[in-house]
PDB file of N, CA and C in Angstrom:
ATOM      1  N   MET A   1     146.343 153.031  79.439  1.00  0.00           N
ATOM      2  CA  MET A   1     146.788 151.736  79.581  1.00  0.00           C
ATOM      3  C   MET A   1     145.742 150.688  79.807  1.00  0.00           C
ATOM      4  N   SER A   2     145.653 149.603  79.036  1.00  0.00           N
ATOM      5  CA  SER A   2     144.700 148.493  79.254  1.00  0.00           C
ATOM      6  C   SER A   2     144.912 147.557  80.451  1.00  0.00           C
ATOM      7  N   THR A   3     143.906 147.091  81.067  1.00  0.00           N
ATOM      8  CA  THR A   3     143.948 146.141  81.948  1.00  0.00           C
ATOM      9  C   THR A   3     143.594 144.674  81.594  1.00  0.00           C
ATOM     10  N   VAL A   4     144.427 143.985  82.173  1.00  0.00           N
ATOM     11  CA  VAL A   4     144.151 142.366  81.651  1.00  0.00           C
ATOM     12  C   VAL A   4     142.775 141.947  82.438  1.00  0.00           C
ATOM     13  N   LYS A   5     142.037 141.257  81.682  1.00  0.00           N
ATOM     14  CA  LYS A   5     140.773 140.544  82.281  1.00  0.00           C
ATOM     15  C   LYS A   5     140.625 139.227  82.121  1.00  0.00           C
ATOM     16  N   ILE A   6     139.871 138.630  83.059  1.00  0.00           N
ATOM     17  CA  ILE A   6     139.769 137.222  82.837  1.00  0.00           C
ATOM     18  C   ILE A   6     138.372 136.953  82.180  1.00  0.00           C
ATOM     19  N   PHE A   7     138.438 135.859  81.024  1.00  0.00           N
ATOM     20  CA  PHE A   7     137.231 135.540  80.382  1.00  0.00           C
ATOM     21  C   PHE A   7     137.035 133.992  80.602  1.00  0.00           C
ATOM     22  N   ARG A   8     135.874 133.610  80.606  1.00  0.00           N
ATOM     23  CA  ARG A   8     135.348 132.114  80.557  1.00  0.00           C
ATOM     24  C   ARG A   8     134.934 131.885  79.135  1.00  0.00           C
ATOM     25  N   VAL A   9     135.653 131.002  78.404  1.00  0.00           N
ATOM     26  CA  VAL A   9     135.254 130.531  77.073  1.00  0.00           C
ATOM     27  C   VAL A   9     134.682 129.200  77.093  1.00  0.00           C
ATOM     28  N   LYS A  10     133.482 129.146  76.694  1.00  0.00           N
ATOM     29  CA  LYS A  10     132.704 127.654  76.576  1.00  0.00           C
ATOM     30  C   LYS A  10     132.598 127.510  75.339  1.00  0.00           C
ATOM     31  N   GLY A  11     132.568 126.191  74.858  1.00  0.00           N
ATOM     32  CA  GLY A  11     132.456 125.692  73.503  1.00  0.00           C
ATOM     33  C   GLY A  11     132.204 124.093  73.642  1.00  0.00           C
ATOM     34  N   ARG A  12     132.621 123.749  72.157  1.00  0.00           N
ATOM     35  CA  ARG A  12     132.508 122.333  71.731  1.00  0.00           C
ATOM     36  C   ARG A  12     133.746 121.937  71.240  1.00  0.00           C
ATOM     37  N   ILE A  13     134.189 120.739  71.198  1.00  0.00           N
ATOM     38  CA  ILE A  13     135.077 119.938  70.513  1.00  0.00           C
ATOM     39  C   ILE A  13     134.567 119.039  69.532  1.00  0.00           C
ATOM     40  N   LEU A  14     134.528 119.065  68.399  1.00  0.00           N
ATOM     41  CA  LEU A  14     133.815 118.270  67.427  1.00  0.00           C
ATOM     42  C   LEU A  14     135.013 117.425  66.552  1.00  0.00           C
ATOM     43  N   LYS A  15     135.824 116.687  67.039  1.00  0.00           N
ATOM     44  CA  LYS A  15     136.718 115.975  66.379  1.00  0.00           C
ATOM     45  C   LYS A  15     136.060 114.609  65.969  1.00  0.00           C
ATOM     46  N   PRO A  16     136.402 113.868  64.811  1.00  0.00           N
ATOM     47  CA  PRO A  16     135.816 112.506  64.471  1.00  0.00           C
ATOM     48  C   PRO A  16     136.145 111.430  65.480  1.00  0.00           C
ATOM     49  N   GLY A  17     135.023 110.990  65.996  1.00  0.00           N
ATOM     50  CA  GLY A  17     135.008 109.978  67.167  1.00  0.00           C
ATOM     51  C   GLY A  17     135.268 110.502  68.586  1.00  0.00           C
ATOM     52  N   TYR A  18     135.220 111.874  68.749  1.00  0.00           N
ATOM     53  CA  TYR A  18     135.410 112.391  69.840  1.00  0.00           C
ATOM     54  C   TYR A  18     134.749 113.682  70.025  1.00  0.00           C
ATOM     55  N   LYS A  19     133.686 113.803  70.745  1.00  0.00           N
ATOM     56  CA  LYS A  19     132.969 114.960  70.857  1.00  0.00           C
ATOM     57  C   LYS A  19     132.773 115.369  72.210  1.00  0.00           C
ATOM     58  N   THR A  20     133.062 116.606  72.747  1.00  0.00           N
ATOM     59  CA  THR A  20     132.954 117.114  74.375  1.00  0.00           C
ATOM     60  C   THR A  20     132.900 118.534  74.328  1.00  0.00           C
ATOM     61  N   VAL A  21     132.289 118.882  75.574  1.00  0.00           N
ATOM     62  CA  VAL A  21     132.125 120.407  75.784  1.00  0.00           C
ATOM     63  C   VAL A  21     133.334 120.814  76.723  1.00  0.00           C
ATOM     64  N   PHE A  22     133.758 121.876  76.659  1.00  0.00           N
ATOM     65  CA  PHE A  22     134.887 122.596  77.506  1.00  0.00           C
ATOM     66  C   PHE A  22     134.464 124.074  77.933  1.00  0.00           C
ATOM     67  N   SER A  23     135.185 124.180  79.025  1.00  0.00           N
ATOM     68  CA  SER A  23     135.098 125.542  79.673  1.00  0.00           C
ATOM     69  C   SER A  23     136.384 126.014  80.049  1.00  0.00           C
ATOM     70  N   LYS A  24     136.956 126.993  79.498  1.00  0.00           N
ATOM     71  CA  LYS A  24     138.286 127.546  79.868  1.00  0.00           C
ATOM     72  C   LYS A  24     138.522 128.893  80.287  1.00  0.00           C
ATOM     73  N   ASP A  25     139.086 129.084  81.208  1.00  0.00           N
ATOM     74  CA  ASP A  25     139.315 130.469  81.807  1.00  0.00           C
ATOM     75  C   ASP A  25     140.829 130.865  81.522  1.00  0.00           C
ATOM     76  N   VAL A  26     140.756 132.105  80.859  1.00  0.00           N
ATOM     77  CA  VAL A  26     141.994 132.656  80.301  1.00  0.00           C
ATOM     78  C   VAL A  26     142.145 134.164  80.602  1.00  0.00           C
ATOM     79  N   ARG A  27     143.371 134.787  80.539  1.00  0.00           N
ATOM     80  CA  ARG A  27     143.711 136.047  80.770  1.00  0.00           C
ATOM     81  C   ARG A  27     143.899 136.744  79.374  1.00  0.00           C
ATOM     82  N   ALA A  28     143.222 137.797  79.158  1.00  0.00           N
ATOM     83  CA  ALA A  28     143.325 138.502  77.946  1.00  0.00           C
ATOM     84  C   ALA A  28     142.840 139.956  78.137  1.00  0.00           C
ATOM     85  N   LEU A  29     143.125 140.804  76.943  1.00  0.00           N
ATOM     86  CA  LEU A  29     142.563 142.165  76.989  1.00  0.00           C
ATOM     87  C   LEU A  29     141.351 142.570  76.365  1.00  0.00           C
ATOM     88  N   LYS A  30     140.924 141.668  75.311  1.00  0.00           N
ATOM     89  CA  LYS A  30     139.680 141.696  74.695  1.00  0.00           C
ATOM     90  C   LYS A  30     139.211 140.111  74.586  1.00  0.00           C
ATOM     91  N   PRO A  31     137.867 140.208  74.312  1.00  0.00           N
ATOM     92  CA  PRO A  31     137.120 138.781  73.969  1.00  0.00           C
ATOM     93  C   PRO A  31     137.909 137.954  72.724  1.00  0.00           C
ATOM     94  N   GLU A  32     138.353 138.659  71.934  1.00  0.00           N
ATOM     95  CA  GLU A  32     138.763 138.220  70.608  1.00  0.00           C
ATOM     96  C   GLU A  32     140.249 137.588  70.766  1.00  0.00           C
ATOM     97  N   ASP A  33     140.803 138.259  71.848  1.00  0.00           N
ATOM     98  CA  ASP A  33     142.250 137.765  72.174  1.00  0.00           C
ATOM     99  C   ASP A  33     142.064 136.474  73.133  1.00  0.00           C
ATOM    100  N   ALA A  34     140.953 136.423  73.931  1.00  0.00           N
ATOM    101  CA  ALA A  34     140.530 135.271  74.787  1.00  0.00           C
ATOM    102  C   ALA A  34     140.400 134.012  73.724  1.00  0.00           C
ATOM    103  N   ILE A  35     139.662 134.214  72.782  1.00  0.00           N
ATOM    104  CA  ILE A  35     139.181 133.125  71.785  1.00  0.00           C
ATOM    105  C   ILE A  35     140.628 132.538  71.104  1.00  0.00           C
ATOM    106  N   GLU A  36     141.298 133.733  70.707  1.00  0.00           N
ATOM    107  CA  GLU A  36     142.757 133.093  70.111  1.00  0.00           C
ATOM    108  C   GLU A  36     143.332 132.285  71.027  1.00  0.00           C
ATOM    109  N   LYS A  37     143.353 132.663  72.251  1.00  0.00           N
ATOM    110  CA  LYS A  37     144.165 131.920  73.395  1.00  0.00           C
ATOM    111  C   LYS A  37     143.746 130.628  73.669  1.00  0.00           C
ATOM    112  N   VAL A  38     142.636 130.247  73.552  1.00  0.00           N
ATOM    113  CA  VAL A  38     141.732 129.072  73.665  1.00  0.00           C
ATOM    114  C   VAL A  38     142.230 128.249  72.372  1.00  0.00           C
ATOM    115  N   TYR A  39     142.144 128.726  71.215  1.00  0.00           N
ATOM    116  CA  TYR A  39     142.722 127.999  69.991  1.00  0.00           C
ATOM    117  C   TYR A  39     143.823 127.523  70.116  1.00  0.00           C
ATOM    118  N   MET A  40     144.993 128.493  70.666  1.00  0.00           N
ATOM    119  CA  MET A  40     146.373 128.010  70.973  1.00  0.00           C
ATOM    120  C   MET A  40     146.420 126.847  71.950  1.00  0.00           C
ATOM    121  N   LEU A  41     145.737 126.962  73.029  1.00  0.00           N
ATOM    122  CA  LEU A  41     145.856 126.253  74.137  1.00  0.00           C
ATOM    123  C   LEU A  41     145.392 124.700  73.864  1.00  0.00           C
ATOM    124  N   LEU A  42     144.077 124.597  73.374  1.00  0.00           N
ATOM    125  CA  LEU A  42     143.610 123.322  72.904  1.00  0.00           C
ATOM    126  C   LEU A  42     144.141 122.727  71.634  1.00  0.00           C
ATOM    127  N   GLY A  43     144.703 123.588  70.801  1.00  0.00           N
ATOM    128  CA  GLY A  43     145.408 123.058  69.791  1.00  0.00           C
ATOM    129  C   GLY A  43     146.826 122.321  70.012  1.00  0.00           C
ATOM    130  N   GLY A  44     147.406 122.982  71.134  1.00  0.00           N
ATOM    131  CA  GLY A  44     148.542 122.303  71.368  1.00  0.00           C
ATOM    132  C   GLY A  44     148.483 121.077  72.368  1.00  0.00           C
ATOM    133  N   GLN A  45     147.574 121.307  73.353  1.00  0.00           N
ATOM    134  CA  GLN A  45     147.279 120.132  74.248  1.00  0.00           C
ATOM    135  C   GLN A  45     146.539 119.059  73.691  1.00  0.00           C
ATOM    136  N   HIS A  46     145.551 119.272  72.913  1.00  0.00           N
ATOM    137  CA  HIS A  46     144.743 118.121  72.431  1.00  0.00           C
ATOM    138  C   HIS A  46     144.693 118.100  71.001  1.00  0.00           C
ATOM    139  N   HIS A  47     145.605 118.883  70.262  1.00  0.00           N
ATOM    140  CA  HIS A  47     145.854 118.486  68.607  1.00  0.00           C
ATOM    141  C   HIS A  47     144.465 118.875  68.086  1.00  0.00           C
ATOM    142  N   VAL A  48     143.489 119.746  68.405  1.00  0.00           N
ATOM    143  CA  VAL A  48     142.314 120.097  67.960  1.00  0.00           C
ATOM    144  C   VAL A  48     142.524 121.306  66.789  1.00  0.00           C
ATOM    145  N   LYS A  49     142.158 121.141  65.692  1.00  0.00           N
ATOM    146  CA  LYS A  49     142.144 122.245  64.567  1.00  0.00           C
ATOM    147  C   LYS A  49     141.112 123.078  64.794  1.00  0.00           C
ATOM    148  N   ARG A  50     141.197 124.324  64.116  1.00  0.00           N
ATOM    149  CA  ARG A  50     140.421 125.442  64.668  1.00  0.00           C
ATOM    150  C   ARG A  50     139.031 125.044  63.922  1.00  0.00           C
ATOM    151  N   PHE A  51     139.056 124.389  62.954  1.00  0.00           N
ATOM    152  CA  PHE A  51     137.535 124.085  62.379  1.00  0.00           C
ATOM    153  C   PHE A  51     136.748 123.013  63.039  1.00  0.00           C
ATOM    154  N   GLN A  52     137.516 122.349  64.213  1.00  0.00           N
ATOM    155  CA  GLN A  52     137.006 121.170  65.095  1.00  0.00           C
ATOM    156  C   GLN A  52     136.356 121.880  66.329  1.00  0.00           C
ATOM    157  N   LEU A  53     136.712 123.349  66.490  1.00  0.00           N
ATOM    158  CA  LEU A  53     136.270 123.986  67.748  1.00  0.00           C
ATOM    159  C   LEU A  53     135.148 124.851  67.484  1.00  0.00           C
ATOM    160  N   LYS A  54     133.909 124.781  68.236  1.00  0.00           N
ATOM    161  CA  LYS A  54     132.842 125.656  68.264  1.00  0.00           C
ATOM    162  C   LYS A  54     132.860 126.427  69.492  1.00  0.00           C
ATOM    163  N   ILE A  55     132.950 127.650  69.262  1.00  0.00           N
ATOM    164  CA  ILE A  55     133.053 128.618  70.509  1.00  0.00           C
ATOM    165  C   ILE A  55     131.600 129.007  70.639  1.00  0.00           C
ATOM    166  N   ASP A  56     130.894 128.643  71.956  1.00  0.00           N
ATOM    167  CA  ASP A  56     129.571 129.021  72.297  1.00  0.00           C
ATOM    168  C   ASP A  56     129.443 130.449  72.978  1.00  0.00           C
ATOM    169  N   SER A  57     130.308 130.687  73.914  1.00  0.00           N
ATOM    170  CA  SER A  57     130.080 131.799  74.650  1.00  0.00           C
ATOM    171  C   SER A  57     131.454 132.358  75.276  1.00  0.00           C
ATOM    172  N   VAL A  58     131.798 133.724  75.297  1.00  0.00           N
ATOM    173  CA  VAL A  58     132.802 134.318  76.026  1.00  0.00           C
ATOM    174  C   VAL A  58     132.244 135.324  76.808  1.00  0.00           C
ATOM    175  N   LYS A  59     132.510 135.045  78.182  1.00  0.00           N
ATOM    176  CA  LYS A  59     132.029 135.997  79.197  1.00  0.00           C
ATOM    177  C   LYS A  59     133.172 136.628  80.187  1.00  0.00           C
ATOM    178  N   GLU A  60     133.231 137.911  80.303  1.00  0.00           N
ATOM    179  CA  GLU A  60     134.120 138.389  81.540  1.00  0.00           C
ATOM    180  C   GLU A  60     133.673 138.073  82.914  1.00  0.00           C
ATOM    181  N   ILE A  61     134.791 137.355  83.501  1.00  0.00           N
ATOM    182  CA  ILE A  61     134.307 137.056  85.004  1.00  0.00           C
ATOM    183  C   ILE A  61     135.405 137.686  85.964  1.00  0.00           C
ATOM    184  N   LEU A  62     135.119 137.702  87.255  1.00  0.00           N
ATOM    185  CA  LEU A  62     135.765 138.226  88.202  1.00  0.00           C
ATOM    186  C   LEU A  62     136.930 137.350  88.751  1.00  0.00           C
ATOM    187  N   TYR A  63     137.906 137.703  89.399  1.00  0.00           N
ATOM    188  CA  TYR A  63     139.287 136.753  89.723  1.00  0.00           C
ATOM    189  C   TYR A  63     138.511 135.782  90.760  1.00  0.00           C
ATOM    190  N   GLU A  64     137.529 136.006  91.338  1.00  0.00           N
ATOM    191  CA  GLU A  64     137.117 135.179  92.513  1.00  0.00           C
ATOM    192  C   GLU A  64     136.262 134.173  91.983  1.00  0.00           C
ATOM    193  N   ASP A  65     135.794 134.095  90.698  1.00  0.00           N
ATOM    194  CA  ASP A  65     134.972 133.153  90.138  1.00  0.00           C
ATOM    195  C   ASP A  65     135.858 132.159  89.552  1.00  0.00           C
ATOM    196  N   THR A  66     136.887 132.216  89.092  1.00  0.00           N
ATOM    197  CA  THR A  66     137.783 131.272  88.555  1.00  0.00           C
ATOM    198  C   THR A  66     138.363 130.230  89.439  1.00  0.00           C
ATOM    199  N   LYS A  67     138.259 129.103  88.844  1.00  0.00           N
ATOM    200  CA  LYS A  67     138.789 127.877  89.743  1.00  0.00           C
ATOM    201  C   LYS A  67     140.217 127.482  89.255  1.00  0.00           C
ATOM    202  N   ASP A  68     140.932 128.309  88.388  1.00  0.00           N
ATOM    203  CA  ASP A  68     142.216 128.016  88.018  1.00  0.00           C
ATOM    204  C   ASP A  68     143.068 128.854  89.032  1.00  0.00           C
ATOM    205  N   HIS A  69     143.781 128.124  89.872  1.00  0.00           N
ATOM    206  CA  HIS A  69     144.406 128.858  90.979  1.00  0.00           C
ATOM    207  C   HIS A  69     145.714 129.669  90.383  1.00  0.00           C
ATOM    208  N   ILE A  70     146.065 129.432  89.105  1.00  0.00           N
ATOM    209  CA  ILE A  70     147.310 130.174  88.705  1.00  0.00           C
ATOM    210  C   ILE A  70     146.779 131.435  88.019  1.00  0.00           C
ATOM    211  N   ILE A  71     145.576 131.444  87.588  1.00  0.00           N
ATOM    212  CA  ILE A  71     145.137 132.615  87.019  1.00  0.00           C
ATOM    213  C   ILE A  71     144.696 133.711  88.324  1.00  0.00           C
ATOM    214  N   ARG A  72     144.088 132.977  89.336  1.00  0.00           N
ATOM    215  CA  ARG A  72     143.734 133.684  90.516  1.00  0.00           C
ATOM    216  C   ARG A  72     144.736 134.247  91.105  1.00  0.00           C
ATOM    217  N   ALA A  73     146.056 133.683  91.182  1.00  0.00           N
ATOM    218  CA  ALA A  73     147.250 134.164  91.827  1.00  0.00           C
ATOM    219  C   ALA A  73     147.779 135.541  90.955  1.00  0.00           C
ATOM    220  N   LEU A  74     147.746 135.349  89.545  1.00  0.00           N
ATOM    221  CA  LEU A  74     148.029 136.196  88.673  1.00  0.00           C
ATOM    222  C   LEU A  74     147.313 137.549  88.636  1.00  0.00           C
ATOM    223  N   SER A  75     145.829 137.425  89.231  1.00  0.00           N
ATOM    224  CA  SER A  75     145.090 138.384  88.791  1.00  0.00           C
ATOM    225  C   SER A  75     144.680 139.212  90.219  1.00  0.00           C
ATOM    226  N   ARG A  76     145.033 138.705  91.383  1.00  0.00           N
ATOM    227  CA  ARG A  76     144.901 139.233  92.452  1.00  0.00           C
ATOM    228  C   ARG A  76     145.623 140.573  92.737  1.00  0.00           C
ATOM    229  N   GLU A  77     144.765 141.300  93.159  1.00  0.00           N
ATOM    230  CA  GLU A  77     145.193 142.864  93.300  1.00  0.00           C
ATOM    231  C   GLU A  77     145.843 143.092  94.742  1.00  0.00           C
TER     232      GLU A  77
END
């Protein structure tokens, strides 16, 4: 059985007239799933299209390293 990991996805949003960097912590099984989750979250919250997102890095982190209190509570063993 697979265990759920926490990934920190860092990247850039490149919308016309709006450019910024982001760092998002998500729970996923694989790095590819974490990237897909970030596409869904930022697309829904900020109306960012996939081609406007540039992913720079995906790194697995420990639950103690996340700043998101919801992910920390869900991942606590």
